[in-house]
Protein backbone atom coordinates (compact mmCIF):
# COMPACT_ATOMS: atom_id res chain seq x y z
CA MET A 1 0.00 0.00 0.00
CA ASN A 2 2.01 2.95 -1.27
CA THR A 3 -0.69 5.48 -1.97
CA ARG A 4 -2.83 7.65 0.23
CA PHE A 5 -5.93 6.09 -1.33
CA ASP A 6 -4.77 2.59 -0.36
CA LYS A 7 -4.01 3.71 3.17
CA LEU A 8 -7.42 5.29 3.63
CA LYS A 9 -9.17 2.29 2.13
CA HIS A 10 -7.28 -0.01 4.50
CA ALA A 11 -8.11 2.22 7.49
CA PHE A 12 -11.83 2.19 6.68
CA ARG A 13 -11.77 -1.59 6.17
CA GLU A 14 -10.01 -1.96 9.51
CA ILE A 15 -12.83 -0.25 11.39
CA GLY A 16 -15.31 -2.65 9.81
CA ILE A 17 -16.70 -0.90 6.73
CA ALA A 18 -17.18 -3.51 4.02
CA ASN A 19 -18.92 -1.49 1.33
CA LEU A 20 -16.95 1.63 0.42
CA VAL A 21 -19.52 3.42 -1.71
CA PRO A 22 -20.76 7.04 -1.64
CA GLY A 23 -22.54 7.61 1.66
CA PHE A 24 -20.65 4.99 3.69
CA TYR A 25 -20.51 7.53 6.54
CA ASP A 26 -23.93 6.03 7.42
CA ASP A 27 -22.34 2.65 8.15
CA PRO A 28 -22.72 1.76 11.86
CA ALA A 29 -19.00 0.98 12.01
CA PHE A 30 -18.19 4.48 10.74
CA LEU A 31 -20.57 6.11 13.22
CA GLN A 32 -19.05 4.16 16.09
CA ALA A 33 -15.49 5.02 15.07
CA GLU A 34 -16.44 8.68 14.63
CA GLN A 35 -17.23 8.91 18.33
CA GLN A 36 -13.54 8.27 19.00
CA VAL A 37 -12.19 10.13 15.96
CA PRO A 38 -14.29 13.28 15.32
CA SER A 39 -12.20 14.11 12.23
CA LEU A 40 -13.29 10.93 10.45
CA LEU A 41 -15.56 12.91 8.11
CA ASP A 42 -12.48 14.81 6.93
CA ALA A 43 -10.91 11.46 6.02
CA TYR A 44 -14.13 10.53 4.23
CA ALA A 45 -13.90 13.77 2.23
CA GLU A 46 -10.27 13.07 1.31
CA TYR A 47 -11.20 9.53 0.27
CA SER A 48 -14.05 10.94 -1.84
CA VAL A 49 -11.64 13.19 -3.74
CA LEU A 50 -9.30 10.29 -4.49
CA ALA A 51 -12.10 7.87 -5.38
CA ALA A 52 -13.81 10.42 -7.65
CA ALA A 53 -10.61 10.79 -9.65
CA MET A 54 -11.10 7.19 -10.80
CA ASP A 55 -14.63 7.78 -12.10
CA SER A 56 -15.68 9.10 -15.50
CA GLU A 57 -15.78 12.88 -15.21
CA THR A 58 -18.31 13.06 -18.04
CA GLU A 59 -20.68 10.70 -16.24
CA VAL A 60 -20.19 12.51 -12.94
CA GLU A 61 -20.97 15.86 -14.57
CA GLN A 62 -24.12 14.49 -16.21
CA LYS A 63 -25.44 13.12 -12.93
CA VAL A 64 -24.54 16.19 -10.91
CA ARG A 65 -26.09 18.46 -13.53
CA ARG A 66 -29.35 16.48 -13.36
CA VAL A 67 -29.48 16.86 -9.58
CA VAL A 68 -28.69 20.57 -9.73
CA SER A 69 -31.22 21.16 -12.52
CA PHE A 70 -33.91 19.42 -10.47
CA LEU A 71 -33.24 21.05 -7.10
CA SER A 72 -32.19 24.57 -8.12
CA PRO A 73 -35.61 25.85 -9.27
CA LEU A 74 -37.28 24.26 -6.22
CA VAL A 75 -34.85 25.98 -3.84
CA ALA A 76 -35.38 29.28 -5.68
CA ALA A 77 -39.16 28.94 -5.59
CA HIS A 78 -39.06 28.18 -1.87
CA GLY A 79 -37.93 31.76 -1.35
CA GLU A 80 -36.45 31.32 2.11
CA ASN A 81 -33.02 32.86 2.67
CA GLY A 82 -30.19 31.51 4.79
CA LYS A 83 -30.98 27.81 4.47
CA CYS A 84 -27.52 26.72 3.35
CA MET A 85 -27.08 23.79 5.76
CA PRO A 86 -30.29 21.82 5.06
CA THR A 87 -29.95 22.50 1.33
CA THR A 88 -26.33 21.35 1.29
CA LEU A 89 -27.24 18.14 3.12
CA LEU A 90 -30.13 17.55 0.70
CA VAL A 91 -27.79 17.87 -2.27
CA GLN A 92 -25.41 15.47 -0.55
CA ARG A 93 -28.12 12.85 -0.07
CA PHE A 94 -29.21 13.10 -3.70
CA LEU A 95 -25.65 12.71 -4.94
CA ASP A 96 -24.98 9.80 -2.59
CA ALA A 97 -28.07 8.01 -3.90
CA GLU A 98 -26.87 8.64 -7.46
CA GLY A 99 -23.53 7.03 -6.66
CA ILE A 100 -21.52 10.25 -6.83
CA TRP A 101 -18.64 10.87 -4.44
CA ASN A 102 -19.26 14.14 -2.65
CA PHE A 103 -19.14 15.91 0.69
CA PRO A 104 -20.20 19.22 2.27
CA GLN A 105 -17.73 21.91 3.21
CA LYS A 106 -18.25 24.64 5.77
CA GLY A 107 -16.34 27.81 6.40
CA GLY A 108 -16.09 31.46 5.53
CA VAL A 109 -17.18 33.19 2.35
CA VAL A 110 -16.50 36.63 0.90
CA VAL A 111 -18.65 38.04 -1.91
CA ALA A 112 -16.88 40.87 -3.74
CA PHE A 113 -19.22 43.15 -5.69
CA PRO A 114 -18.22 44.89 -8.94
CA ASP A 115 -16.13 48.03 -8.54
CA GLY A 116 -18.85 50.21 -10.00
CA SER A 117 -21.26 49.22 -7.24
CA LYS A 118 -19.15 50.98 -4.60
CA LEU A 119 -20.26 48.25 -2.16
CA PRO A 120 -17.89 46.75 0.40
CA PRO A 121 -17.41 42.96 0.33
CA LYS A 122 -20.00 40.81 2.09
CA GLU A 123 -18.41 38.41 4.58
CA TRP A 124 -19.63 35.30 6.37
CA ASP A 125 -17.20 34.73 9.20
CA PRO A 126 -16.36 31.03 9.68
CA THR A 127 -16.02 31.50 13.43
CA ASP A 128 -19.37 33.23 13.79
CA CYS A 129 -20.86 29.98 14.97
CA SER A 130 -24.43 29.31 16.02
CA GLU A 131 -25.55 25.89 17.22
CA GLY A 132 -22.42 24.28 15.82
CA THR A 133 -22.70 25.66 12.30
CA PHE A 134 -20.32 27.86 10.34
CA GLY A 135 -20.73 30.98 8.26
CA HIS A 136 -21.76 29.09 5.13
CA THR A 137 -21.89 25.58 3.66
CA TRP A 138 -21.58 24.27 0.11
CA ASN A 139 -21.07 20.97 -1.73
CA VAL A 140 -18.03 19.42 -3.36
CA ALA A 141 -18.56 16.63 -5.90
CA PRO A 142 -14.99 16.36 -7.19
CA PRO A 143 -14.01 18.05 -9.40
CA PHE A 144 -17.16 20.23 -9.16
CA ILE A 145 -18.18 22.90 -6.65
CA ILE A 146 -21.91 23.34 -6.02
CA ASP A 147 -23.61 26.08 -4.04
CA LEU A 148 -27.36 26.41 -4.47
CA THR A 149 -27.86 29.00 -1.73
CA ILE A 150 -25.11 31.61 -2.13
CA SER A 151 -27.52 34.01 -3.86
CA LYS A 152 -30.22 33.21 -1.29
CA GLN A 153 -28.50 34.60 1.77
CA PHE A 154 -29.39 37.80 3.57
CA TYR A 155 -28.30 40.62 1.27
CA SER A 156 -29.25 44.25 1.48
CA ALA A 157 -31.47 45.84 -1.14
CA ALA A 158 -28.36 47.41 -2.68
CA GLU A 159 -26.42 44.11 -2.75
CA GLN A 160 -29.07 41.67 -3.98
CA PRO A 161 -29.23 42.81 -7.65
CA TYR A 162 -25.58 41.84 -8.12
CA VAL A 163 -25.96 38.29 -6.80
CA GLU A 164 -28.04 35.77 -8.74
CA GLY A 165 -27.90 32.15 -9.79
CA ASP A 166 -26.03 29.15 -8.42
CA VAL A 167 -22.44 28.08 -8.28
CA PHE A 168 -21.80 24.94 -10.33
CA VAL A 169 -18.25 25.04 -11.60
CA LYS A 170 -15.19 22.92 -12.21
CA GLU A 171 -12.57 25.60 -12.75
CA VAL A 172 -11.68 27.74 -9.74
CA SER A 173 -9.10 30.44 -9.03
CA THR A 174 -6.87 31.05 -6.04
CA ALA A 175 -8.73 33.01 -3.39
CA PRO A 176 -7.40 36.31 -2.06
CA ASN A 177 -5.72 36.28 1.33
CA SER A 178 -8.23 35.46 4.02
CA PRO A 179 -9.76 38.41 5.88
CA PHE A 180 -10.64 36.19 8.83
CA ASP A 181 -8.69 36.35 12.09
CA GLU A 182 -8.73 32.66 12.98
CA PRO A 183 -7.19 30.37 10.32
CA PRO A 184 -8.42 26.86 9.55
CA SER A 185 -6.40 23.88 10.74
CA ALA A 186 -3.16 23.09 8.96
CA THR A 187 -4.68 19.82 7.74
CA MET A 188 -7.69 21.58 6.26
CA GLN A 189 -5.49 24.18 4.55
CA LYS A 190 -3.42 21.42 2.98
CA LEU A 191 -6.33 19.26 1.85
CA PHE A 192 -8.76 21.98 0.82
CA PRO A 193 -7.16 25.38 0.16
CA PRO A 194 -9.30 28.48 -0.36
CA PHE A 195 -10.64 29.12 -3.85
CA SER A 196 -12.58 31.73 -5.77
CA VAL A 197 -15.31 31.54 -8.43
CA HIS A 198 -17.30 34.00 -10.50
CA LEU A 199 -21.03 34.36 -9.98
CA ALA A 200 -23.04 36.85 -12.05
CA GLN A 201 -21.32 40.21 -11.47
CA CYS A 202 -19.50 39.09 -8.34
CA SER A 203 -16.45 37.14 -7.25
CA VAL A 204 -17.07 34.62 -4.48
CA ALA A 205 -14.15 33.43 -2.35
CA TYR A 206 -14.57 30.27 -0.27
CA TYR A 207 -12.41 29.49 2.77
CA PRO A 208 -12.97 25.88 3.91
CA TYR A 209 -12.70 25.29 7.65
CA GLY A 210 -14.18 21.81 7.83
CA THR A 211 -16.32 19.14 6.29
CA GLY A 212 -19.53 17.66 7.58
CA GLY A 213 -22.40 15.32 7.03
CA PRO A 214 -25.92 14.47 8.12
CA THR A 215 -26.73 13.27 11.60
CA GLU A 216 -29.76 11.27 10.47
CA SER A 217 -30.57 8.81 7.72
CA PHE A 218 -32.13 9.97 4.48
CA THR A 219 -35.53 8.60 5.47
CA GLU A 220 -35.40 10.56 8.73
CA VAL A 221 -34.56 13.93 7.15
CA THR A 222 -37.48 16.36 7.48
CA GLU A 223 -36.16 19.52 5.81
CA PRO A 224 -36.05 21.33 3.57
CA VAL A 225 -39.63 20.83 2.42
CA LEU A 226 -39.74 21.97 -1.21
CA ASP A 227 -42.92 22.17 -3.27
CA GLY A 228 -44.69 20.55 -0.33
CA LEU A 229 -42.48 17.44 -0.42
CA THR A 230 -40.11 16.01 2.17
CA PRO A 231 -36.55 15.18 1.05
CA VAL A 232 -37.29 11.49 0.44
CA ALA A 233 -40.47 12.32 -1.50
CA LEU A 234 -38.47 14.83 -3.54
CA PHE A 235 -35.95 12.16 -4.42
CA GLU A 236 -38.71 9.77 -5.45
CA ARG A 237 -40.05 12.47 -7.80
CA PHE A 238 -36.53 13.02 -9.11
CA ARG A 239 -36.09 9.33 -9.85
CA ARG A 240 -39.43 9.14 -11.62
CA LYS A 241 -38.46 12.07 -13.85
CA GLN A 242 -35.25 10.29 -14.83
CA THR A 243 -37.18 7.24 -16.07
CA VAL A 244 -39.64 9.19 -18.22
């Protein structure tokens, strides 16, 4: 075993996980080990990046695009701002069920408005925690970045016209130096460095501080309710649409 992928695979096998497929963080052996090793989800994220590199990027993009195309208009129609965490976890569950390696990231975000707007950057501080959450959350389905709620945060009337649409990109740029006082861990900086993307008229810089995952099974998830449907009912509708 001379690669990081082999070492991670061996480590997960050692704790009793037999089926290393997207979503294996639900395995009882994983959940038990996580009680002793809280950073295990970070290892899952690293494994996801390495495993995704072995999959067909074309097939991954097709599947991710179908999920985004299905959920994006429902999230927009819901019209409720600030729901990044439940939306991110919903996207994760959809992608898991579609067999796509992915994971949520959480951290700080800076939205830079166009120079002509004369607006200062909008910041979500990663250490501005509330009930264990971070400033913002988004999805990574290597090599793609997905953020269905960045334009649905709490913007002022002057800011909102410059921010529209979703982030669904492969190519990213190096983010500017972080404006945040407390840096992420050295491990997080090495595995997942900050990056920047373009969205409408803005530049959005993401500063990962951690990964995450659901605390309940897909069938137990109760939010977000979109178009009157629970997450599992939404996925059933999604699957039916794919077979038509």
